[in-house]
Structures are given as structure tokens and as C-alpha cells.
Amino acid sequence: MNETKKLTIEDLWNRPIFNLDQAAELLGCSRGTIYRMRDEGILKATRPATMRAYLVEKSEIQRLLKEGYGTADRTERNVIRGERI
């Protein structure tokens, strides 16, 4: 049976692009909050024509962290440097 490994914040941060669930994990918020942010234009997410999922670039997560959208334990400093949270 295949077991999927849950990625740590550090593992996620090494990727250039994220799905909405991963974006929520990085920002420390709920999936619903991410969808609301996308719908309200706060979060820029794209949906490639061949995919069902929306994707978010790393630079967009960095921008949101700088603007204070992450939770108190999800600051740009501790996510980017890979500090344990």
C-alpha cells in the first residue's frame, strides 16, 4: 500500500509553486480562508487550462507574509529560513 508522506513546512518551502491547501499550510490559515482570499483578490492564484487545481507562486506567499497575512507563528523569517514552528 502506498503511504504519502506529509510534507513539513521546510519541504513545502523548497517548492516554487503551491496548491491552495499547501498555501494555507504555509500561511497557517484554513482552506476556507485561502479560498476567500482568492475570491476577494487578496491572493493571486492561477488555474492552468489543463488542471483542476489553482496554483500559487512562492513569490505570492512571500508577499502575503510580508504584508502580515500569516498567523503569528508564520512569519516570513521563520518560514523562509526553515525554522521549526
Protein backbone atom coordinates (compact mmCIF):
# COMPACT_ATOMS: atom_id res chain seq x y z
CA MET A 1 0.00 0.00 0.00
CA ASN A 2 1.34 3.45 -0.89
CA GLU A 3 1.69 5.83 2.00
CA THR A 4 2.01 9.50 1.26
CA LYS A 5 4.48 11.45 3.32
CA LYS A 6 3.14 14.64 4.87
CA LEU A 7 5.45 17.44 3.84
CA THR A 8 6.92 19.68 6.50
CA ILE A 9 6.87 23.46 6.17
CA GLU A 10 10.53 23.29 5.22
CA ASP A 11 9.84 20.71 2.49
CA LEU A 12 7.00 22.81 1.13
CA TRP A 13 9.06 26.00 1.12
CA ASN A 14 11.59 24.42 -1.25
CA ARG A 15 8.97 24.27 -3.99
CA PRO A 16 8.42 27.11 -6.48
CA ILE A 17 4.64 26.72 -6.68
CA PHE A 18 1.88 25.50 -4.34
CA ASN A 19 -1.71 24.35 -4.50
CA LEU A 20 -4.27 26.13 -2.32
CA ASP A 21 -4.04 23.59 0.51
CA GLN A 22 -0.27 23.99 0.64
CA ALA A 23 -0.65 27.78 0.58
CA ALA A 24 -2.97 27.52 3.59
CA GLU A 25 -0.41 25.39 5.41
CA LEU A 26 2.37 27.88 4.72
CA LEU A 27 0.27 30.84 5.87
CA GLY A 28 -1.12 28.97 8.87
CA CYS A 29 -4.76 29.52 7.94
CA SER A 30 -7.69 27.39 6.92
CA ARG A 31 -8.51 26.22 3.43
CA GLY A 32 -11.67 28.32 3.54
CA THR A 33 -9.64 31.44 4.31
CA ILE A 34 -7.39 30.77 1.31
CA TYR A 35 -10.42 30.37 -0.97
CA ARG A 36 -11.91 33.60 0.39
CA MET A 37 -8.62 35.43 -0.13
CA ARG A 38 -8.51 34.14 -3.70
CA ASP A 39 -12.13 35.13 -4.36
CA GLU A 40 -11.57 38.62 -2.91
CA GLY A 41 -8.42 39.17 -4.98
CA ILE A 42 -6.06 39.22 -1.98
CA LEU A 43 -4.34 36.02 -3.10
CA LYS A 44 -3.30 35.72 -6.74
CA ALA A 45 -3.85 32.14 -7.86
CA THR A 46 -3.89 30.80 -11.40
CA ARG A 47 -5.66 27.81 -12.84
CA PRO A 48 -3.89 26.30 -15.84
CA ALA A 49 -6.30 25.20 -18.57
CA THR A 50 -5.26 21.56 -18.27
CA MET A 51 -5.66 21.39 -14.48
CA ARG A 52 -8.49 21.47 -11.99
CA ALA A 53 -6.37 22.92 -9.19
CA TYR A 54 -5.44 26.54 -8.61
CA LEU A 55 -1.73 27.23 -8.17
CA VAL A 56 0.07 29.91 -6.16
CA GLU A 57 3.64 31.04 -6.82
CA LYS A 58 6.16 31.24 -3.98
CA SER A 59 6.56 34.99 -4.53
CA GLU A 60 2.85 35.43 -3.77
CA ILE A 61 3.21 33.61 -0.44
CA GLN A 62 6.26 35.76 0.37
CA ARG A 63 4.26 38.91 -0.42
CA LEU A 64 1.40 37.86 1.85
CA LEU A 65 3.78 37.01 4.69
CA LYS A 66 5.46 40.42 4.35
CA GLU A 67 2.04 42.09 4.44
CA GLY A 68 1.16 40.24 7.64
CA TYR A 69 -1.38 37.74 6.32
CA GLY A 70 0.23 34.75 8.02
CA THR A 71 -0.60 33.76 11.58
CA ALA A 72 1.70 34.89 14.39
CA ASP A 73 3.89 31.77 14.08
CA ARG A 74 4.06 32.01 10.28
CA THR A 75 6.27 34.98 9.61
CA GLU A 76 8.42 35.38 6.54
CA ARG A 77 11.50 34.98 8.70
CA ASN A 78 10.65 31.62 10.24
CA VAL A 79 9.15 30.11 7.08
CA ILE A 80 11.88 31.19 4.67
CA ARG A 81 14.74 30.28 7.00
CA GLY A 82 13.13 26.91 7.67
CA GLU A 83 12.84 27.46 11.40
CA ARG A 84 10.74 24.95 13.22
CA ILE A 85 7.28 26.16 14.18
